[in-house]
Amino acid sequence: MAEVIIIVAMTPDRLIGKNHQMPWHLAEDLQSFKQITSGHTVVMGRKTFASIGQPLPGRTNLVISRTVKSIAGCEVFADMESALQRGDELGEKTFVIGGSQIYQAALPLANCLYVSWVNGDFSGDTFFPDFSLDDWQVNTEEEFATFKLVQYQRNG
C-alpha cells in the first residue's frame, strides 16, 4: 500500500473538534491544508464531510460511511481499507483528514503525519487518538502566528 498521510490541526491536549466543527478558524492553517492536499486524494468520515458540506475542490474525495451509500462528487466506502485501496489505485498521495474514528483507524497504517499544533485555549468534545511522538521523527517544522506545522515521519 502507498504512503498513508494523516493531516490534522489539534491542540497539545489533542483537541480537534467541538459540535462537529473545528473549535477555531485559522486562515493560515486552512491555506496550508489546501496547499498540501490539493491535487491528491483525501479520505474522511461521513461526519467530517457533513461539517465541510461539499467535496473539497481539486482533490479526489473519498468518504467512509457504513450508512450512506452515495454522495455527489465523492466516492463512498464502507471501511478504511477499501478507501485506502482506492487511493492506491488513483496513484495519488492519500491524506486522511478526519474525524476522530477515521484517524483512529488510519493511525496504525500511517507513515507520515502533518500536525498543525494550535496555540490557544479551546474547549471541545472530539480528540485525536492517543499516540506517542516517540514513534515519530520530525521532518520539517514551520512556525505561524497561531500554530506550528510539523511534518513527522514514522520511525523505522
N, C-alpha and C. Protein backbone atom coordinates (compact mmCIF):
# COMPACT_ATOMS: atom_id res chain seq x y z
N MET A 1 0.84 -1.19 0.00
CA MET A 1 0.00 0.00 0.00
C MET A 1 0.88 1.25 0.00
N ALA A 2 0.41 2.25 -0.69
CA ALA A 2 1.15 3.51 -0.78
C ALA A 2 1.19 4.22 0.57
N GLU A 3 1.91 5.32 0.59
CA GLU A 3 2.04 6.11 1.81
C GLU A 3 0.67 6.61 2.27
N VAL A 4 0.40 6.42 3.56
CA VAL A 4 -0.82 6.93 4.19
C VAL A 4 -0.40 8.13 5.04
N ILE A 5 -1.01 9.27 4.76
CA ILE A 5 -0.62 10.52 5.42
C ILE A 5 -1.82 11.05 6.20
N ILE A 6 -1.61 11.34 7.47
CA ILE A 6 -2.64 11.96 8.29
C ILE A 6 -2.32 13.45 8.35
N ILE A 7 -3.35 14.27 8.17
CA ILE A 7 -3.19 15.72 8.33
C ILE A 7 -4.26 16.18 9.31
N VAL A 8 -3.81 16.91 10.35
CA VAL A 8 -4.72 17.28 11.44
C VAL A 8 -4.26 18.59 12.08
N ALA A 9 -5.23 19.35 12.55
CA ALA A 9 -4.95 20.51 13.41
C ALA A 9 -5.45 20.15 14.79
N MET A 10 -4.59 20.29 15.80
CA MET A 10 -5.00 19.96 17.16
C MET A 10 -4.21 20.77 18.17
N THR A 11 -4.77 20.84 19.38
CA THR A 11 -4.09 21.48 20.49
C THR A 11 -3.13 20.46 21.11
N PRO A 12 -2.24 20.91 21.99
CA PRO A 12 -1.33 19.96 22.64
C PRO A 12 -2.05 18.84 23.42
N ASP A 13 -3.30 19.08 23.84
CA ASP A 13 -4.04 18.00 24.53
C ASP A 13 -4.88 17.19 23.54
N ARG A 14 -4.60 17.33 22.25
CA ARG A 14 -5.18 16.54 21.15
C ARG A 14 -6.62 16.92 20.79
N LEU A 15 -7.10 18.08 21.21
CA LEU A 15 -8.44 18.54 20.85
C LEU A 15 -8.49 18.82 19.35
N ILE A 16 -9.54 18.28 18.67
CA ILE A 16 -9.69 18.53 17.23
C ILE A 16 -11.07 19.07 16.86
N GLY A 17 -12.06 18.95 17.76
CA GLY A 17 -13.39 19.38 17.35
C GLY A 17 -14.32 19.74 18.49
N LYS A 18 -15.38 20.45 18.10
CA LYS A 18 -16.45 20.82 19.03
C LYS A 18 -17.75 20.87 18.24
N ASN A 19 -18.72 20.06 18.64
CA ASN A 19 -20.02 20.03 17.95
C ASN A 19 -19.87 19.83 16.44
N HIS A 20 -19.02 18.90 16.05
CA HIS A 20 -18.78 18.54 14.65
C HIS A 20 -18.18 19.67 13.82
N GLN A 21 -17.49 20.58 14.48
CA GLN A 21 -16.79 21.67 13.79
C GLN A 21 -15.41 21.83 14.43
N MET A 22 -14.52 22.54 13.74
CA MET A 22 -13.24 22.87 14.36
C MET A 22 -13.49 24.00 15.36
N PRO A 23 -12.85 23.93 16.54
CA PRO A 23 -13.09 24.96 17.57
C PRO A 23 -12.42 26.30 17.27
N TRP A 24 -11.75 26.41 16.15
CA TRP A 24 -11.02 27.62 15.78
C TRP A 24 -11.19 27.84 14.27
N HIS A 25 -10.86 29.04 13.84
CA HIS A 25 -10.80 29.34 12.41
C HIS A 25 -9.46 30.03 12.16
N LEU A 26 -8.53 29.30 11.58
CA LEU A 26 -7.19 29.82 11.34
C LEU A 26 -6.95 29.85 9.84
N ALA A 27 -7.03 31.03 9.25
CA ALA A 27 -6.92 31.17 7.80
C ALA A 27 -5.61 30.59 7.27
N GLU A 28 -4.50 30.85 7.97
CA GLU A 28 -3.21 30.33 7.51
C GLU A 28 -3.17 28.81 7.53
N ASP A 29 -3.81 28.19 8.53
CA ASP A 29 -3.84 26.74 8.60
C ASP A 29 -4.68 26.17 7.45
N LEU A 30 -5.82 26.80 7.16
CA LEU A 30 -6.66 26.35 6.05
C LEU A 30 -5.93 26.49 4.72
N GLN A 31 -5.17 27.57 4.55
CA GLN A 31 -4.37 27.75 3.32
C GLN A 31 -3.30 26.67 3.22
N SER A 32 -2.65 26.38 4.33
CA SER A 32 -1.62 25.35 4.36
C SER A 32 -2.21 23.99 4.02
N PHE A 33 -3.38 23.67 4.62
CA PHE A 33 -4.08 22.42 4.34
C PHE A 33 -4.38 22.29 2.85
N LYS A 34 -4.90 23.38 2.26
CA LYS A 34 -5.25 23.37 0.85
C LYS A 34 -4.01 23.15 -0.02
N GLN A 35 -2.93 23.85 0.32
CA GLN A 35 -1.69 23.73 -0.45
C GLN A 35 -1.14 22.30 -0.39
N ILE A 36 -1.16 21.69 0.79
CA ILE A 36 -0.59 20.36 0.97
C ILE A 36 -1.43 19.28 0.28
N THR A 37 -2.77 19.40 0.37
CA THR A 37 -3.64 18.33 -0.12
C THR A 37 -4.13 18.50 -1.56
N SER A 38 -4.03 19.68 -2.13
CA SER A 38 -4.53 19.91 -3.49
C SER A 38 -3.85 18.98 -4.49
N GLY A 39 -4.66 18.43 -5.39
CA GLY A 39 -4.15 17.52 -6.41
C GLY A 39 -4.00 16.09 -5.93
N HIS A 40 -4.44 15.82 -4.71
CA HIS A 40 -4.28 14.49 -4.13
C HIS A 40 -5.64 13.95 -3.69
N THR A 41 -5.61 12.79 -3.05
CA THR A 41 -6.81 12.14 -2.54
C THR A 41 -6.96 12.47 -1.07
N VAL A 42 -8.20 12.78 -0.64
CA VAL A 42 -8.49 12.97 0.78
C VAL A 42 -9.52 11.93 1.21
N VAL A 43 -9.28 11.35 2.39
CA VAL A 43 -10.18 10.36 2.97
C VAL A 43 -10.75 10.96 4.25
N MET A 44 -12.08 10.90 4.37
CA MET A 44 -12.73 11.46 5.56
C MET A 44 -13.95 10.63 5.92
N GLY A 45 -14.39 10.80 7.14
CA GLY A 45 -15.62 10.16 7.58
C GLY A 45 -16.83 10.97 7.14
N ARG A 46 -17.99 10.35 7.25
CA ARG A 46 -19.25 10.99 6.85
C ARG A 46 -19.51 12.27 7.64
N LYS A 47 -19.23 12.26 8.95
CA LYS A 47 -19.49 13.45 9.77
C LYS A 47 -18.55 14.60 9.38
N THR A 48 -17.30 14.27 9.06
CA THR A 48 -16.37 15.31 8.61
C THR A 48 -16.86 15.89 7.29
N PHE A 49 -17.29 15.01 6.37
CA PHE A 49 -17.83 15.51 5.11
C PHE A 49 -19.02 16.44 5.37
N ALA A 50 -19.92 16.02 6.25
CA ALA A 50 -21.10 16.83 6.55
C ALA A 50 -20.71 18.20 7.12
N SER A 51 -19.66 18.24 7.93
CA SER A 51 -19.23 19.52 8.51
C SER A 51 -18.62 20.44 7.45
N ILE A 52 -17.98 19.85 6.43
CA ILE A 52 -17.42 20.64 5.32
C ILE A 52 -18.55 21.07 4.38
N GLY A 53 -19.49 20.16 4.13
CA GLY A 53 -20.68 20.49 3.36
C GLY A 53 -20.62 20.27 1.86
N GLN A 54 -19.43 20.00 1.35
CA GLN A 54 -19.28 19.77 -0.10
C GLN A 54 -17.93 19.10 -0.35
N PRO A 55 -17.77 18.47 -1.52
CA PRO A 55 -16.45 17.89 -1.83
C PRO A 55 -15.39 19.00 -1.87
N LEU A 56 -14.20 18.68 -1.40
CA LEU A 56 -13.11 19.66 -1.45
C LEU A 56 -12.62 19.76 -2.89
N PRO A 57 -12.63 20.97 -3.47
CA PRO A 57 -12.23 21.12 -4.87
C PRO A 57 -10.75 20.79 -5.09
N GLY A 58 -10.46 20.28 -6.29
CA GLY A 58 -9.07 19.99 -6.65
C GLY A 58 -8.51 18.76 -5.99
N ARG A 59 -9.37 17.95 -5.39
CA ARG A 59 -8.95 16.73 -4.72
C ARG A 59 -9.95 15.62 -5.02
N THR A 60 -9.49 14.37 -5.00
CA THR A 60 -10.40 13.24 -5.07
C THR A 60 -10.91 12.99 -3.66
N ASN A 61 -12.22 13.07 -3.46
CA ASN A 61 -12.83 12.96 -2.14
C ASN A 61 -13.37 11.55 -1.91
N LEU A 62 -12.81 10.85 -0.93
CA LEU A 62 -13.27 9.52 -0.55
C LEU A 62 -13.88 9.62 0.84
N VAL A 63 -15.12 9.17 0.99
CA VAL A 63 -15.84 9.26 2.25
C VAL A 63 -16.09 7.85 2.78
N ILE A 64 -15.84 7.66 4.05
CA ILE A 64 -16.11 6.37 4.69
C ILE A 64 -17.41 6.49 5.47
N SER A 65 -18.35 5.58 5.15
CA SER A 65 -19.64 5.57 5.84
C SER A 65 -20.22 4.17 5.80
N ARG A 66 -20.75 3.73 6.94
CA ARG A 66 -21.45 2.44 6.98
C ARG A 66 -22.92 2.60 6.62
N THR A 67 -23.42 3.83 6.59
CA THR A 67 -24.86 4.04 6.36
C THR A 67 -25.17 4.70 5.03
N VAL A 68 -24.39 5.70 4.62
CA VAL A 68 -24.64 6.42 3.37
C VAL A 68 -23.94 5.68 2.23
N LYS A 69 -24.64 5.48 1.15
CA LYS A 69 -24.08 4.72 0.02
C LYS A 69 -23.60 5.61 -1.12
N SER A 70 -24.09 6.85 -1.18
CA SER A 70 -23.75 7.71 -2.30
C SER A 70 -23.75 9.18 -1.86
N ILE A 71 -22.71 9.91 -2.27
CA ILE A 71 -22.61 11.35 -2.01
C ILE A 71 -22.13 12.00 -3.30
N ALA A 72 -22.85 12.98 -3.78
CA ALA A 72 -22.49 13.64 -5.04
C ALA A 72 -21.07 14.21 -4.97
N GLY A 73 -20.26 13.91 -5.97
CA GLY A 73 -18.90 14.43 -6.05
C GLY A 73 -17.88 13.67 -5.24
N CYS A 74 -18.31 12.58 -4.60
CA CYS A 74 -17.42 11.78 -3.76
C CYS A 74 -17.58 10.30 -4.11
N GLU A 75 -16.60 9.53 -3.72
CA GLU A 75 -16.72 8.08 -3.74
C GLU A 75 -16.90 7.64 -2.29
N VAL A 76 -17.82 6.72 -2.05
CA VAL A 76 -18.15 6.29 -0.69
C VAL A 76 -17.69 4.85 -0.49
N PHE A 77 -17.08 4.59 0.67
CA PHE A 77 -16.57 3.27 1.01
C PHE A 77 -17.05 2.88 2.40
N ALA A 78 -17.19 1.59 2.62
CA ALA A 78 -17.69 1.09 3.90
C ALA A 78 -16.62 1.05 4.97
N ASP A 79 -15.33 1.04 4.57
CA ASP A 79 -14.26 0.93 5.57
C ASP A 79 -12.97 1.58 5.07
N MET A 80 -12.04 1.76 6.01
CA MET A 80 -10.76 2.40 5.74
C MET A 80 -9.97 1.64 4.69
N GLU A 81 -9.92 0.33 4.81
CA GLU A 81 -9.12 -0.48 3.88
C GLU A 81 -9.56 -0.26 2.44
N SER A 82 -10.86 -0.26 2.18
CA SER A 82 -11.38 -0.05 0.82
C SER A 82 -11.04 1.34 0.31
N ALA A 83 -11.18 2.34 1.16
CA ALA A 83 -10.88 3.71 0.77
C ALA A 83 -9.39 3.86 0.44
N LEU A 84 -8.52 3.30 1.28
CA LEU A 84 -7.07 3.41 1.03
C LEU A 84 -6.67 2.63 -0.22
N GLN A 85 -7.33 1.50 -0.47
CA GLN A 85 -7.06 0.75 -1.69
C GLN A 85 -7.40 1.59 -2.92
N ARG A 86 -8.51 2.30 -2.85
CA ARG A 86 -8.90 3.19 -3.94
C ARG A 86 -7.87 4.31 -4.12
N GLY A 87 -7.38 4.86 -3.02
CA GLY A 87 -6.33 5.87 -3.09
C GLY A 87 -5.10 5.33 -3.79
N ASP A 88 -4.73 4.09 -3.50
CA ASP A 88 -3.61 3.43 -4.18
C ASP A 88 -3.85 3.34 -5.69
N GLU A 89 -5.06 2.92 -6.04
CA GLU A 89 -5.41 2.77 -7.47
C GLU A 89 -5.30 4.09 -8.21
N LEU A 90 -5.62 5.18 -7.53
CA LEU A 90 -5.57 6.50 -8.15
C LEU A 90 -4.14 7.00 -8.33
N GLY A 91 -3.20 6.41 -7.58
CA GLY A 91 -1.80 6.76 -7.73
C GLY A 91 -1.44 8.13 -7.19
N GLU A 92 -2.29 8.69 -6.35
CA GLU A 92 -2.03 10.00 -5.75
C GLU A 92 -1.65 9.80 -4.29
N LYS A 93 -1.06 10.83 -3.69
CA LYS A 93 -0.89 10.79 -2.24
C LYS A 93 -2.27 10.72 -1.61
N THR A 94 -2.38 9.97 -0.52
CA THR A 94 -3.67 9.83 0.15
C THR A 94 -3.56 10.44 1.54
N PHE A 95 -4.36 11.50 1.76
CA PHE A 95 -4.38 12.21 3.04
C PHE A 95 -5.64 11.85 3.80
N VAL A 96 -5.48 11.43 5.04
CA VAL A 96 -6.62 11.16 5.92
C VAL A 96 -6.87 12.45 6.70
N ILE A 97 -8.13 12.98 6.59
CA ILE A 97 -8.40 14.31 7.13
C ILE A 97 -9.42 14.32 8.26
N GLY A 98 -9.81 13.16 8.77
CA GLY A 98 -10.68 13.13 9.95
C GLY A 98 -12.01 12.46 9.70
N GLY A 99 -12.76 12.37 10.73
CA GLY A 99 -12.61 12.79 12.11
C GLY A 99 -11.94 11.75 13.00
N SER A 100 -12.29 11.80 14.26
CA SER A 100 -11.60 11.04 15.30
C SER A 100 -11.58 9.53 15.02
N GLN A 101 -12.72 8.94 14.66
CA GLN A 101 -12.76 7.49 14.40
C GLN A 101 -11.94 7.13 13.17
N ILE A 102 -11.96 8.00 12.18
CA ILE A 102 -11.19 7.76 10.95
C ILE A 102 -9.70 7.86 11.26
N TYR A 103 -9.31 8.85 12.06
CA TYR A 103 -7.91 8.95 12.49
C TYR A 103 -7.50 7.70 13.26
N GLN A 104 -8.38 7.22 14.14
CA GLN A 104 -8.09 6.02 14.94
C GLN A 104 -7.78 4.83 14.02
N ALA A 105 -8.58 4.67 12.97
CA ALA A 105 -8.39 3.56 12.03
C ALA A 105 -7.12 3.74 11.20
N ALA A 106 -6.77 4.97 10.87
CA ALA A 106 -5.63 5.24 9.99
C ALA A 106 -4.30 5.28 10.72
N LEU A 107 -4.31 5.63 12.00
CA LEU A 107 -3.05 5.86 12.74
C LEU A 107 -2.08 4.68 12.66
N PRO A 108 -2.51 3.42 12.84
CA PRO A 108 -1.54 2.32 12.75
C PRO A 108 -0.97 2.13 11.35
N LEU A 109 -1.65 2.65 10.33
CA LEU A 109 -1.23 2.48 8.94
C LEU A 109 -0.41 3.64 8.42
N ALA A 110 -0.44 4.75 9.12
CA ALA A 110 0.17 6.00 8.62
C ALA A 110 1.69 5.94 8.67
N ASN A 111 2.30 6.49 7.60
CA ASN A 111 3.76 6.64 7.54
C ASN A 111 4.17 8.07 7.87
N CYS A 112 3.21 8.99 7.73
CA CYS A 112 3.52 10.41 7.83
C CYS A 112 2.37 11.14 8.52
N LEU A 113 2.71 12.13 9.34
CA LEU A 113 1.72 12.99 9.99
C LEU A 113 2.07 14.44 9.69
N TYR A 114 1.06 15.21 9.31
CA TYR A 114 1.19 16.67 9.28
C TYR A 114 0.32 17.16 10.43
N VAL A 115 0.94 17.76 11.44
CA VAL A 115 0.18 18.25 12.58
C VAL A 115 0.35 19.75 12.69
N SER A 116 -0.78 20.45 12.66
CA SER A 116 -0.79 21.87 12.99
C SER A 116 -1.07 21.95 14.48
N TRP A 117 -0.04 22.23 15.27
CA TRP A 117 -0.19 22.35 16.72
C TRP A 117 -0.73 23.74 17.01
N VAL A 118 -2.00 23.81 17.38
CA VAL A 118 -2.72 25.07 17.54
C VAL A 118 -2.42 25.70 18.90
N ASN A 119 -2.08 26.99 18.88
CA ASN A 119 -1.88 27.76 20.11
C ASN A 119 -3.22 28.26 20.61
N GLY A 120 -3.37 28.38 21.91
CA GLY A 120 -4.59 28.97 22.45
C GLY A 120 -5.33 28.00 23.35
N ASP A 121 -6.33 28.53 24.02
CA ASP A 121 -7.13 27.76 24.97
C ASP A 121 -8.51 27.54 24.36
N PHE A 122 -8.79 26.32 23.99
CA PHE A 122 -10.06 25.98 23.34
C PHE A 122 -10.73 24.84 24.10
N SER A 123 -12.04 24.78 24.03
CA SER A 123 -12.75 23.65 24.59
C SER A 123 -13.43 22.90 23.46
N GLY A 124 -13.71 21.63 23.70
CA GLY A 124 -14.36 20.85 22.68
C GLY A 124 -14.71 19.46 23.18
N ASP A 125 -15.17 18.62 22.24
CA ASP A 125 -15.64 17.30 22.63
C ASP A 125 -15.03 16.17 21.79
N THR A 126 -14.13 16.51 20.88
CA THR A 126 -13.57 15.49 20.00
C THR A 126 -12.05 15.61 20.01
N PHE A 127 -11.40 14.45 20.14
CA PHE A 127 -9.95 14.43 20.31
C PHE A 127 -9.30 13.47 19.31
N PHE A 128 -8.07 13.81 18.94
CA PHE A 128 -7.25 12.91 18.14
C PHE A 128 -6.89 11.71 19.02
N PRO A 129 -6.81 10.51 18.45
CA PRO A 129 -6.47 9.34 19.27
C PRO A 129 -5.14 9.50 19.99
N ASP A 130 -5.03 8.83 21.12
CA ASP A 130 -3.78 8.84 21.88
C ASP A 130 -2.68 8.20 21.04
N PHE A 131 -1.52 8.82 21.01
CA PHE A 131 -0.37 8.27 20.30
C PHE A 131 0.89 8.82 20.94
N SER A 132 2.02 8.20 20.64
CA SER A 132 3.28 8.63 21.22
C SER A 132 4.17 9.27 20.15
N LEU A 133 4.62 10.48 20.42
CA LEU A 133 5.54 11.14 19.50
C LEU A 133 6.89 10.42 19.45
N ASP A 134 7.15 9.53 20.42
CA ASP A 134 8.38 8.74 20.39
C ASP A 134 8.44 7.84 19.16
N ASP A 135 7.29 7.53 18.57
CA ASP A 135 7.24 6.67 17.39
C ASP A 135 7.49 7.44 16.10
N TRP A 136 7.68 8.74 16.22
CA TRP A 136 7.78 9.61 15.05
C TRP A 136 9.00 10.51 15.14
N GLN A 137 9.57 10.86 13.99
CA GLN A 137 10.65 11.85 13.97
C GLN A 137 10.21 13.06 13.16
N VAL A 138 10.69 14.21 13.58
CA VAL A 138 10.33 15.47 12.91
C VAL A 138 11.08 15.56 11.58
N ASN A 139 10.31 15.81 10.52
CA ASN A 139 10.89 16.04 9.19
C ASN A 139 11.08 17.52 8.95
N THR A 140 9.99 18.29 9.13
CA THR A 140 10.04 19.74 8.93
C THR A 140 9.17 20.41 9.98
N GLU A 141 9.50 21.66 10.28
CA GLU A 141 8.71 22.49 11.20
C GLU A 141 8.60 23.88 10.60
N GLU A 142 7.40 24.45 10.71
CA GLU A 142 7.19 25.81 10.23
C GLU A 142 6.32 26.55 11.24
N GLU A 143 6.83 27.68 11.74
CA GLU A 143 6.12 28.48 12.74
C GLU A 143 5.18 29.48 12.07
N PHE A 144 3.97 29.57 12.56
CA PHE A 144 3.00 30.58 12.14
C PHE A 144 2.57 31.33 13.40
N ALA A 145 1.81 32.39 13.24
CA ALA A 145 1.40 33.20 14.39
C ALA A 145 0.54 32.41 15.38
N THR A 146 -0.33 31.54 14.87
CA THR A 146 -1.30 30.87 15.74
C THR A 146 -1.12 29.36 15.84
N PHE A 147 -0.14 28.83 15.11
CA PHE A 147 0.11 27.39 15.16
C PHE A 147 1.51 27.08 14.63
N LYS A 148 1.94 25.85 14.87
CA LYS A 148 3.21 25.36 14.33
C LYS A 148 2.90 24.11 13.51
N LEU A 149 3.28 24.12 12.24
CA LEU A 149 3.05 22.97 11.36
C LEU A 149 4.29 22.08 11.41
N VAL A 150 4.07 20.84 11.85
CA VAL A 150 5.18 19.88 11.95
C VAL A 150 4.85 18.66 11.10
N GLN A 151 5.79 18.29 10.24
CA GLN A 151 5.65 17.05 9.48
C GLN A 151 6.49 15.99 10.16
N TYR A 152 5.87 14.88 10.50
CA TYR A 152 6.54 13.76 11.16
C TYR A 152 6.59 12.56 10.22
N GLN A 153 7.65 11.78 10.35
CA GLN A 153 7.79 10.50 9.63
C GLN A 153 7.86 9.41 10.70
N ARG A 154 7.19 8.28 10.45
CA ARG A 154 7.22 7.19 11.42
C ARG A 154 8.63 6.62 11.50
N ASN A 155 9.11 6.35 12.71
CA ASN A 155 10.42 5.74 12.92
C ASN A 155 10.45 4.34 12.32
N GLY A 156 11.64 3.98 11.83
CA GLY A 156 11.84 2.61 11.35
C GLY A 156 11.13 2.36 10.09
